[in-house]
Each structure stands twice: as structure tokens, then as C-alpha cells.
Protein backbone atom coordinates (compact mmCIF):
# COMPACT_ATOMS: atom_id res chain seq x y z
CA MET A 1 49.15 4.33 53.29
CA GLN A 2 49.44 3.79 49.56
CA CYS A 3 51.86 5.86 47.43
CA LYS A 4 52.38 6.04 43.67
CA VAL A 5 56.01 6.50 42.62
CA GLN A 6 57.07 8.06 39.32
CA LYS A 7 60.35 9.44 37.92
CA ILE A 8 61.18 12.92 36.52
CA TYR A 9 62.12 12.97 32.93
CA LYS A 10 65.90 13.11 32.48
CA ASN A 11 66.52 13.56 36.18
CA THR A 12 67.43 10.32 38.04
CA ARG A 13 67.97 12.14 41.45
CA TYR A 14 64.39 12.58 42.31
CA ARG A 15 61.18 10.63 42.71
CA ILE A 16 57.63 11.93 42.56
CA LEU A 17 55.31 10.55 45.27
CA SER A 18 51.51 10.84 44.94
CA ILE A 19 49.96 10.40 48.45
CA GLU A 20 46.33 10.93 49.17
CA GLY A 21 45.89 13.50 46.39
CA GLN A 22 49.05 15.40 47.33
CA THR A 23 52.33 15.48 45.32
CA TYR A 24 55.66 15.18 47.03
CA ILE A 25 59.28 15.13 45.75
CA LEU A 26 61.79 12.71 47.23
CA ASP A 27 65.51 13.43 46.89
CA MET A 28 67.33 10.08 46.45
CA SER A 29 70.70 11.72 47.17
CA GLN A 30 69.90 13.53 50.34
CA SER A 31 72.35 11.56 52.44
CA ILE A 32 75.76 10.12 51.59
CA TRP A 33 75.02 7.20 53.80
CA LYS A 34 71.94 6.24 51.79
CA ILE A 35 74.13 6.35 48.71
CA LEU A 36 76.79 4.02 50.17
CA PHE A 37 74.27 1.84 51.99
CA PRO A 38 71.09 1.96 49.91
CA PHE A 39 68.95 -0.09 52.39
CA LEU A 40 69.03 2.83 54.85
CA THR A 41 66.37 4.39 52.49
CA TRP A 42 63.96 1.82 53.87
CA LEU A 43 65.25 1.78 57.49
CA LEU A 44 65.53 5.51 58.09
CA PRO A 45 63.11 8.40 57.54
CA ASN A 46 63.40 10.30 54.29
CA THR A 47 62.72 14.01 53.67
CA VAL A 48 60.05 14.83 51.11
CA TYR A 49 58.72 18.22 49.89
CA ARG A 50 55.06 18.90 49.13
CA VAL A 51 54.58 20.85 45.87
CA ASP A 52 51.69 22.48 44.18
CA GLU A 53 50.37 19.89 41.69
CA LYS A 54 49.29 22.46 39.12
CA GLU A 55 52.66 24.22 39.18
CA PHE A 56 54.48 20.90 39.17
CA ASN A 57 52.53 19.63 36.13
CA GLU A 58 53.26 22.88 34.22
CA LYS A 59 57.02 22.84 34.92
CA ILE A 60 58.07 19.21 35.25
CA ARG A 61 57.75 16.44 32.82
CA ILE A 62 57.05 12.89 34.11
CA PHE A 63 59.23 10.15 32.85
CA GLN A 64 57.25 7.60 30.81
CA ASP A 65 59.00 4.19 30.68
CA GLU A 66 57.70 2.51 27.54
CA SER A 67 60.19 -0.33 27.59
CA THR A 68 59.19 -3.73 28.69
CA GLU A 69 62.64 -4.90 29.56
CA LYS A 70 63.98 -3.99 32.94
CA ARG A 71 67.81 -3.93 33.45
CA SER A 72 68.83 -4.64 37.01
CA PRO A 73 72.23 -3.69 38.39
CA LEU A 74 72.96 -7.32 38.74
CA ILE A 75 72.43 -8.05 35.09
CA ILE A 76 74.58 -5.01 34.16
CA GLY A 77 77.29 -6.31 36.65
CA LEU A 78 77.17 -9.74 35.08
CA ALA A 79 77.58 -8.34 31.62
CA SER A 80 80.48 -6.20 32.80
CA VAL A 81 82.27 -9.28 34.31
CA SER A 82 81.64 -11.28 31.16
CA ALA A 83 83.09 -8.39 29.05
CA GLY A 84 86.09 -8.43 31.27
CA SER A 85 86.61 -12.09 30.83
CA LEU A 86 86.84 -11.55 27.13
CA LEU A 87 89.91 -9.47 27.70
CA THR A 88 91.68 -12.24 29.68
CA PRO A 89 93.93 -13.19 26.66
CA LEU A 90 95.31 -9.66 26.70
CA SER A 91 95.85 -9.58 30.48
CA ILE A 92 99.58 -10.38 30.06
CA TYR A 93 100.00 -7.10 28.23
CA LEU A 94 98.16 -5.14 30.87
CA GLU A 95 100.24 -6.00 33.90
CA LEU A 96 101.75 -2.82 35.42
CA GLY A 97 104.33 -4.57 37.59
CA THR A 98 103.84 -1.91 40.36
CA PRO A 99 104.05 -2.68 44.07
CA PRO A 100 100.91 -3.35 46.07
CA LEU A 101 101.05 0.06 47.93
CA ILE A 102 101.02 1.88 44.51
CA ASN A 103 98.19 -0.32 43.30
CA PHE A 104 96.20 0.43 46.43
CA PHE A 105 96.39 4.19 45.80
CA LEU A 106 95.56 3.71 42.09
CA ASN A 107 92.47 1.84 43.14
CA ILE A 108 91.39 4.39 45.74
CA THR A 109 92.01 7.24 43.19
CA ALA A 110 89.88 5.56 40.53
CA ILE A 111 87.04 4.93 43.02
CA LEU A 112 87.14 8.50 44.37
CA LEU A 113 87.07 9.88 40.87
CA LEU A 114 83.94 7.86 40.07
CA PHE A 115 82.27 9.05 43.27
CA ILE A 116 83.17 12.68 42.40
CA LEU A 117 81.63 12.15 38.96
CA ARG A 118 78.52 10.71 40.55
CA SER A 119 78.26 13.70 42.82
CA TYR A 120 78.80 16.11 40.06
CA LEU A 121 76.06 14.69 37.89
CA SER A 122 73.72 14.48 40.97
CA ASN A 123 74.30 18.20 41.61
CA GLN A 124 73.60 18.93 37.99
CA ASN A 125 70.23 17.18 38.37
CA LYS A 126 69.60 19.21 41.49
CA GLN A 127 70.22 22.46 39.74
CA LYS A 128 67.98 21.38 36.86
CA LEU A 129 65.08 20.88 39.24
CA LYS A 130 65.91 24.11 41.15
CA ASP A 131 65.75 26.13 37.89
CA LYS A 132 62.20 25.03 37.29
CA LEU A 133 60.79 24.47 40.77
CA GLN A 134 61.68 25.75 44.29
CA LEU A 135 61.31 23.28 47.07
CA ASN A 136 59.75 24.96 50.09
CA LYS A 137 61.26 24.11 53.42
CA SER A 138 58.02 24.92 55.18
CA ALA A 139 56.35 22.10 53.15
CA GLU A 140 58.99 19.58 54.32
CA LYS A 141 57.86 16.23 55.79
CA ARG A 142 59.57 13.07 56.87
CA ILE A 143 58.41 9.65 55.77
CA TRP A 144 59.36 6.04 55.96
CA ILE A 145 59.04 4.25 52.69
CA ARG A 146 58.90 0.47 51.99
CA PRO A 147 60.12 -1.47 48.93
CA ASN A 148 57.17 -1.99 46.63
CA THR A 149 57.50 -5.81 46.63
CA PHE A 150 59.48 -8.49 48.43
CA LYS A 151 60.90 -9.54 45.02
CA SER A 152 62.24 -6.11 44.33
CA CYS A 153 63.69 -5.90 47.81
CA MET A 154 65.58 -9.15 47.40
CA GLY A 155 66.65 -8.37 43.92
CA CYS A 156 68.05 -5.01 45.13
CA LEU A 157 69.81 -6.75 48.10
CA MET A 158 71.39 -9.50 45.92
CA SER A 159 72.49 -7.09 43.24
CA TYR A 160 74.13 -4.78 45.77
CA LEU A 161 76.00 -7.67 47.58
CA PHE A 162 77.07 -9.16 44.28
CA LEU A 163 78.51 -5.88 42.96
CA LEU A 164 80.16 -5.13 46.31
CA PHE A 165 81.71 -8.58 46.52
CA ILE A 166 83.15 -8.45 42.92
CA GLY A 167 84.32 -4.91 43.56
CA ILE A 168 86.14 -5.84 46.77
CA PHE A 169 87.54 -8.99 45.22
CA SER A 170 88.84 -7.12 42.15
CA PHE A 171 90.28 -4.36 44.42
CA LEU A 172 92.27 -6.86 46.43
CA ALA A 173 93.30 -8.87 43.35
CA PHE A 174 94.61 -5.66 41.60
CA MET A 175 96.67 -4.80 44.67
CA GLU A 176 98.27 -8.23 44.44
CA TYR A 177 98.77 -8.63 40.71
CA GLY A 178 98.64 -5.03 39.27
CA ASN A 179 96.62 -6.04 36.25
CA LEU A 180 94.68 -3.27 34.54
CA ILE A 181 91.74 -5.53 33.85
CA LEU A 182 91.17 -5.98 37.63
CA LEU A 183 91.40 -2.14 38.09
CA ILE A 184 88.72 -1.63 35.40
CA CYS A 185 86.55 -4.33 36.92
CA SER A 186 86.92 -2.90 40.40
CA SER A 187 86.13 0.66 39.21
CA MET A 188 83.06 -0.46 37.26
CA MET A 189 81.68 -2.51 40.23
CA PHE A 190 82.02 0.31 42.70
CA GLY A 191 80.53 2.70 40.14
CA PHE A 192 77.44 0.50 39.97
CA VAL A 193 77.42 0.38 43.82
CA PHE A 194 77.29 4.13 43.95
CA ILE A 195 74.16 4.24 41.86
CA ALA A 196 72.45 1.22 43.40
CA ASN A 197 70.33 3.30 45.67
CA ALA A 198 68.24 4.36 42.67
CA ALA A 199 66.83 0.78 42.72
CA THR A 200 65.41 1.20 46.28
CA VAL A 201 62.49 3.40 45.23
CA VAL A 202 61.18 2.38 41.82
CA GLU A 203 58.18 3.19 39.72
CA GLY A 204 54.88 1.68 40.80
CA THR A 205 52.86 1.45 44.04
CA THR A 206 54.30 1.14 47.50
CA LYS A 207 53.51 1.94 51.11
CA ILE A 208 54.74 4.97 53.13
CA LYS A 209 54.26 6.20 56.62
CA PHE A 210 54.64 9.79 57.82
CA LYS A 211 57.12 10.05 60.67
CA LYS A 212 54.50 11.67 63.03
CA ASP A 213 52.52 8.48 62.80
CA GLY A 214 55.41 6.31 64.13
CA PHE A 215 57.21 3.48 62.39
CA TYR A 216 55.82 0.95 60.01
CA GLY A 217 52.30 -0.20 60.71
């Protein structure tokens, strides 16, 4: 069945789903696995909560995207790599000279700190919604959701793989050479990977299936 997807103003964690006259809220951070592997959002059921439309409209503001330019994670990643290349002449001054094992732990620490920051901001968004609207467990349902277009599906896939590849490459290169530019590049790429799941459910119209009805059909 058809579903209209919208965002909540200043709250990137949730999506508003309008399905056959009913309003539901989808939590994009309900599973750590769907954060690390965004495509599980399409392959596994997602929990949604039905809310009263009148109460929702009174307490929650819909995000209105008036910009015509869309910025994909791939474009952001390419811009980050380009910016890093501008620092190449300074790379000789940014070599730490530390052994690979120390570089490995520096890399892991930076990535963990980014994930903790992402989790903190996500929990802040959860609390912001909770302060305005209570999600009723009794109104909980499970749905499968599709990407809205094949183009957006492939764009999300290519962006994720590109960011992951550059992130892993920079991670390994920093272990070997101990250059801060590589550490910054690795951290930025993994940072984008951690928010890539936001691109799996975007504004527009898509198709969903309630779990009781079986898988896609």
C-alpha cells in the first residue's frame, strides 16, 4: 500500500508515515544493526507507532524542505576527500611517527567517539519527541518499507559503499603511515557511514506492507 513519508522539524531521528488516513511514527534508530547496515531497514520489519492525528498536528511541526538542491552522502564524502587532498602539502608536518598498534587504537578511539556522539544526539532527539508526544506501545505495529525509487536505492547503496571503502582504506593507511590527514579522513568517512541510514527512508511516496500481511507483495 502507498505511504507518504515526511520529516519532523529539527528531529532527524524520526519519520512520519501517512498510511490510509492514519499517522504513524517510524524511529530510524530503533536498532544498532540498521544504523551500521542501513539496508536492513528495507529487508527487516520496522516498528511504527500509530498516533492521534489531531494531537500530533497540535504538538509536532512538520519539516518543510524548500531547497531544490539535494545533498547526498556521496557528494559530501567526495567534498571531504577533495578537502583532504588540499592538505596534502602539509602532510609531512602531520606525521606522528607512532607504531601501527598505537595508530590502530587511535583510529578505534576516534571512531568510537563519533559513534558515541551520534548516539547522544539521537537520544536528545528521542527525548525532544517524548517531551511533546508519548508513543503508545499498544498502538505499535510492524511494517516492511521499500525504497521510494530504484534510483534512490542505488544512490544510497553506492554512497554507503563508497564511504565505507574510503573509510577502511584511510583506516589501514593511517595504521601504516601514522599521518593525521588519514586519521581525519577515516573518522569523517565513518561518521558519514553512521548517519547513512537516514537516506533509506526519505521524503516522498513509497510502498509499505504491514507484517501481518506477509512480505512484499
